[in-house]
Amino acid sequence: MAENGTTTPQEQRRRGLNKKILIGIGIILALLIVVALATGEDSSDESKADEATTSVPTEDVVPPPAPDRVTPTDEQVAEDALRDGQIAEVAEQYMKTSLMFEGPWSSYAERCLADATLDPARCWQPYVNNFDFSNGILRVTLQVDRSDPFDKQLGENAATHIARFIGSAREVWAEEINWVEIMDGTGVHIAQQQP
């Protein structure tokens, strides 16, 4: 300070610098306090969680089964296979009844050949070899060559007709069928339709 009570410019700068340093120290202390409080709350929550887990004996704790990993028993698998086989049999019999036909599918060729007005591509029935059902899909196997355009057309016509017949059935078993898939003799997809 000058002799007359006024401050010099150097002293004013020093006081301004001191104020800035004190404000910076205050901000740092405030941040440290906030961090300490936040960390202290988290660690107390963790210690409470640790206390809760240590108070329960671990050998008595049995984890619940995961809902997406339900393993069916052998009996359930056998029941499902039996039910699936029954649906396939009932669907095949329903198709024969709807077509007013008895006997093996191969003998249906006589009926197709007897009707001269029938488009040969519409006569898929003699080629039916097997009905199978699994996971909502009725798979019908035709003894045809999927790479032959005529046989591919037979498969598409079979898918359309079988899906229509199944869709018109007002039976519980028919509600289980979501898709009709036509496959060739080697099990390769030809066509599919929803009932």
Protein backbone atom coordinates (compact mmCIF):
# COMPACT_ATOMS: atom_id res chain seq x y z
CA MET A 1 0.00 0.00 0.00
CA ALA A 2 1.21 3.42 -0.75
CA GLU A 3 1.90 5.88 2.04
CA ASN A 4 -1.24 7.86 1.43
CA GLY A 5 -3.56 4.78 1.77
CA THR A 6 -4.08 4.04 -1.89
CA THR A 7 -3.07 0.80 -3.51
CA THR A 8 -0.64 0.58 -6.33
CA PRO A 9 -1.45 -1.20 -9.55
CA GLN A 10 0.93 -4.05 -8.63
CA GLU A 11 -0.90 -4.67 -5.37
CA GLN A 12 -4.24 -4.63 -7.15
CA ARG A 13 -3.00 -7.30 -9.59
CA ARG A 14 -1.68 -9.42 -6.75
CA ARG A 15 -5.01 -9.20 -4.89
CA GLY A 16 -6.92 -10.14 -8.09
CA LEU A 17 -4.61 -13.11 -8.59
CA ASN A 18 -5.07 -14.17 -4.97
CA LYS A 19 -8.86 -13.99 -5.38
CA LYS A 20 -8.71 -16.18 -8.47
CA ILE A 21 -6.51 -18.72 -6.69
CA LEU A 22 -8.85 -18.84 -3.71
CA ILE A 23 -11.90 -19.28 -5.97
CA GLY A 24 -10.14 -22.12 -7.85
CA ILE A 25 -9.24 -23.84 -4.58
CA GLY A 26 -12.84 -23.48 -3.40
CA ILE A 27 -14.20 -25.04 -6.61
CA ILE A 28 -11.76 -27.95 -6.35
CA LEU A 29 -12.73 -28.55 -2.71
CA ALA A 30 -16.43 -28.45 -3.61
CA LEU A 31 -15.91 -31.01 -6.39
CA LEU A 32 -13.95 -33.29 -4.06
CA ILE A 33 -16.75 -33.13 -1.50
CA VAL A 34 -19.38 -33.97 -4.15
CA VAL A 35 -17.31 -36.92 -5.44
CA ALA A 36 -16.70 -38.16 -1.89
CA LEU A 37 -20.42 -38.03 -1.09
CA ALA A 38 -21.38 -39.81 -4.31
CA THR A 39 -18.77 -42.52 -3.78
CA GLY A 40 -19.73 -42.92 -0.16
CA GLU A 41 -23.39 -43.59 -1.08
CA ASP A 42 -22.46 -46.19 -3.71
CA SER A 43 -20.12 -48.02 -1.39
CA SER A 44 -22.71 -48.10 1.39
CA ASP A 45 -25.26 -49.57 -1.08
CA GLU A 46 -22.70 -52.18 -2.08
CA SER A 47 -21.96 -53.04 1.52
CA LYS A 48 -25.68 -53.42 2.19
CA ALA A 49 -25.95 -55.72 -0.82
CA ASP A 50 -22.92 -57.68 0.40
CA GLU A 51 -24.51 -58.02 3.84
CA ALA A 52 -27.76 -59.26 2.28
CA THR A 53 -26.00 -61.90 0.20
CA THR A 54 -23.74 -63.08 2.97
CA SER A 55 -26.62 -63.55 5.40
CA VAL A 56 -28.25 -66.26 3.18
CA PRO A 57 -26.51 -69.62 3.07
CA THR A 58 -25.50 -70.35 -0.52
CA GLU A 59 -26.17 -74.09 -0.45
CA ASP A 60 -29.89 -73.47 0.18
CA VAL A 61 -30.24 -71.14 -2.80
CA VAL A 62 -31.54 -72.87 -5.93
CA PRO A 63 -31.73 -70.70 -9.03
CA PRO A 64 -35.09 -70.78 -10.82
CA PRO A 65 -35.10 -72.43 -14.25
CA ALA A 66 -34.60 -70.05 -17.14
CA PRO A 67 -37.93 -69.56 -18.94
CA ASP A 68 -36.39 -69.88 -22.41
CA ARG A 69 -34.56 -73.12 -21.60
CA VAL A 70 -37.43 -75.43 -20.75
CA THR A 71 -36.34 -78.96 -21.50
CA PRO A 72 -39.17 -81.31 -22.37
CA THR A 73 -39.21 -84.72 -20.77
CA ASP A 74 -38.95 -87.89 -22.85
CA GLU A 75 -42.65 -88.48 -22.23
CA GLN A 76 -43.55 -85.03 -23.56
CA VAL A 77 -41.43 -85.57 -26.67
CA ALA A 78 -43.11 -88.94 -27.26
CA GLU A 79 -46.59 -87.42 -26.76
CA ASP A 80 -45.81 -84.58 -29.21
CA ALA A 81 -44.52 -87.07 -31.82
CA LEU A 82 -47.64 -89.20 -31.41
CA ARG A 83 -49.88 -86.14 -31.70
CA ASP A 84 -47.95 -84.91 -34.76
CA GLY A 85 -48.30 -88.34 -36.39
CA GLN A 86 -52.01 -88.38 -35.66
CA ILE A 87 -52.49 -84.94 -37.23
CA ALA A 88 -50.67 -86.11 -40.38
CA GLU A 89 -52.85 -89.24 -40.60
CA VAL A 90 -56.08 -87.32 -40.01
CA ALA A 91 -55.08 -84.68 -42.59
CA GLU A 92 -54.34 -87.38 -45.19
CA GLN A 93 -57.64 -89.14 -44.51
CA TYR A 94 -59.48 -85.81 -44.68
CA MET A 95 -57.93 -85.14 -48.09
CA LYS A 96 -59.00 -88.56 -49.39
CA THR A 97 -62.51 -88.15 -47.99
CA SER A 98 -62.81 -84.66 -49.49
CA LEU A 99 -61.76 -86.01 -52.88
CA MET A 100 -64.16 -88.97 -52.42
CA PHE A 101 -61.30 -91.37 -52.86
CA GLU A 102 -60.27 -94.63 -51.18
CA GLY A 103 -57.07 -96.62 -51.50
CA PRO A 104 -53.46 -95.68 -52.15
CA TRP A 105 -52.71 -92.34 -53.77
CA SER A 106 -51.05 -93.96 -56.76
CA SER A 107 -54.36 -95.50 -57.86
CA TYR A 108 -55.82 -91.99 -58.21
CA ALA A 109 -54.12 -91.85 -61.62
CA GLU A 110 -57.04 -93.80 -63.14
CA ARG A 111 -59.40 -91.04 -62.07
CA CYS A 112 -57.12 -88.34 -63.50
CA LEU A 113 -56.69 -90.15 -66.82
CA ALA A 114 -60.42 -90.87 -67.10
CA ASP A 115 -61.24 -87.15 -67.11
CA ALA A 116 -60.06 -85.81 -70.47
CA THR A 117 -61.06 -82.26 -69.52
CA LEU A 118 -58.67 -82.27 -66.56
CA ASP A 119 -55.42 -80.34 -67.02
CA PRO A 120 -52.59 -82.83 -66.45
CA ALA A 121 -50.82 -80.31 -64.22
CA ARG A 122 -53.85 -80.39 -61.91
CA CYS A 123 -53.54 -84.14 -61.38
CA TRP A 124 -51.05 -84.15 -58.48
CA GLN A 125 -52.79 -86.81 -56.38
CA PRO A 126 -51.12 -89.94 -57.91
CA TYR A 127 -47.72 -88.55 -56.94
CA VAL A 128 -48.48 -88.22 -53.21
CA ASN A 129 -46.12 -90.41 -51.22
CA ASN A 130 -46.28 -89.23 -47.60
CA PHE A 131 -47.98 -86.85 -45.15
CA ASP A 132 -45.93 -85.61 -42.20
CA PHE A 133 -46.69 -82.95 -39.58
CA SER A 134 -44.32 -81.10 -37.25
CA ASN A 135 -44.20 -77.63 -35.65
CA GLY A 136 -47.34 -76.40 -37.41
CA ILE A 137 -46.20 -77.48 -40.89
CA LEU A 138 -47.97 -80.22 -42.85
CA ARG A 139 -45.36 -81.61 -45.25
CA VAL A 140 -46.63 -83.60 -48.20
CA THR A 141 -44.06 -85.51 -50.22
CA LEU A 142 -44.63 -85.99 -53.95
CA GLN A 143 -42.59 -88.41 -56.02
CA VAL A 144 -41.66 -85.79 -58.61
CA ASP A 145 -38.55 -84.06 -59.89
CA ARG A 146 -38.55 -80.50 -58.56
CA SER A 147 -36.22 -79.33 -61.37
CA ASP A 148 -38.75 -80.37 -64.05
CA PRO A 149 -41.10 -77.43 -64.83
CA PHE A 150 -44.14 -79.71 -65.15
CA ASP A 151 -43.41 -81.43 -61.83
CA LYS A 152 -42.80 -78.07 -60.15
CA GLN A 153 -46.25 -76.97 -61.40
CA LEU A 154 -47.72 -80.18 -59.94
CA GLY A 155 -46.16 -79.29 -56.58
CA GLU A 156 -47.52 -75.74 -56.66
CA ASN A 157 -51.00 -77.01 -57.56
CA ALA A 158 -50.84 -79.59 -54.76
CA ALA A 159 -49.87 -76.88 -52.24
CA THR A 160 -52.77 -74.68 -53.35
CA HIS A 161 -55.38 -77.45 -53.27
CA ILE A 162 -54.28 -79.07 -50.02
CA ALA A 163 -54.10 -75.67 -48.29
CA ARG A 164 -57.65 -74.90 -49.47
CA PHE A 165 -58.99 -78.23 -48.23
CA ILE A 166 -57.24 -77.88 -44.85
CA GLY A 167 -58.35 -74.25 -44.56
CA SER A 168 -61.98 -75.23 -45.11
CA ALA A 169 -61.87 -77.95 -42.42
CA ARG A 170 -63.63 -76.87 -39.26
CA GLU A 171 -61.73 -79.32 -37.07
CA VAL A 172 -59.40 -78.83 -34.10
CA TRP A 173 -56.55 -80.68 -35.82
CA ALA A 174 -56.76 -78.33 -38.84
CA GLU A 175 -56.19 -75.32 -36.59
CA GLU A 176 -52.77 -76.78 -35.71
CA ILE A 177 -51.66 -76.52 -39.36
CA ASN A 178 -50.11 -73.14 -40.17
CA TRP A 179 -48.43 -74.07 -43.45
CA VAL A 180 -48.71 -76.74 -46.13
CA GLU A 181 -45.32 -77.50 -47.66
CA ILE A 182 -44.85 -79.71 -50.72
CA MET A 183 -41.55 -81.53 -50.99
CA ASP A 184 -40.01 -83.80 -53.59
CA GLY A 185 -38.97 -87.39 -52.94
CA THR A 186 -35.57 -86.29 -51.58
CA GLY A 187 -37.17 -83.93 -49.05
CA VAL A 188 -36.42 -80.68 -50.89
CA HIS A 189 -38.97 -77.84 -50.85
CA ILE A 190 -41.10 -77.31 -53.97
CA ALA A 191 -43.92 -75.00 -52.82
CA GLN A 192 -45.85 -73.84 -49.76
CA GLN A 193 -49.20 -72.26 -48.95
CA GLN A 194 -51.03 -71.13 -45.84
CA PRO A 195 -54.44 -72.73 -45.28
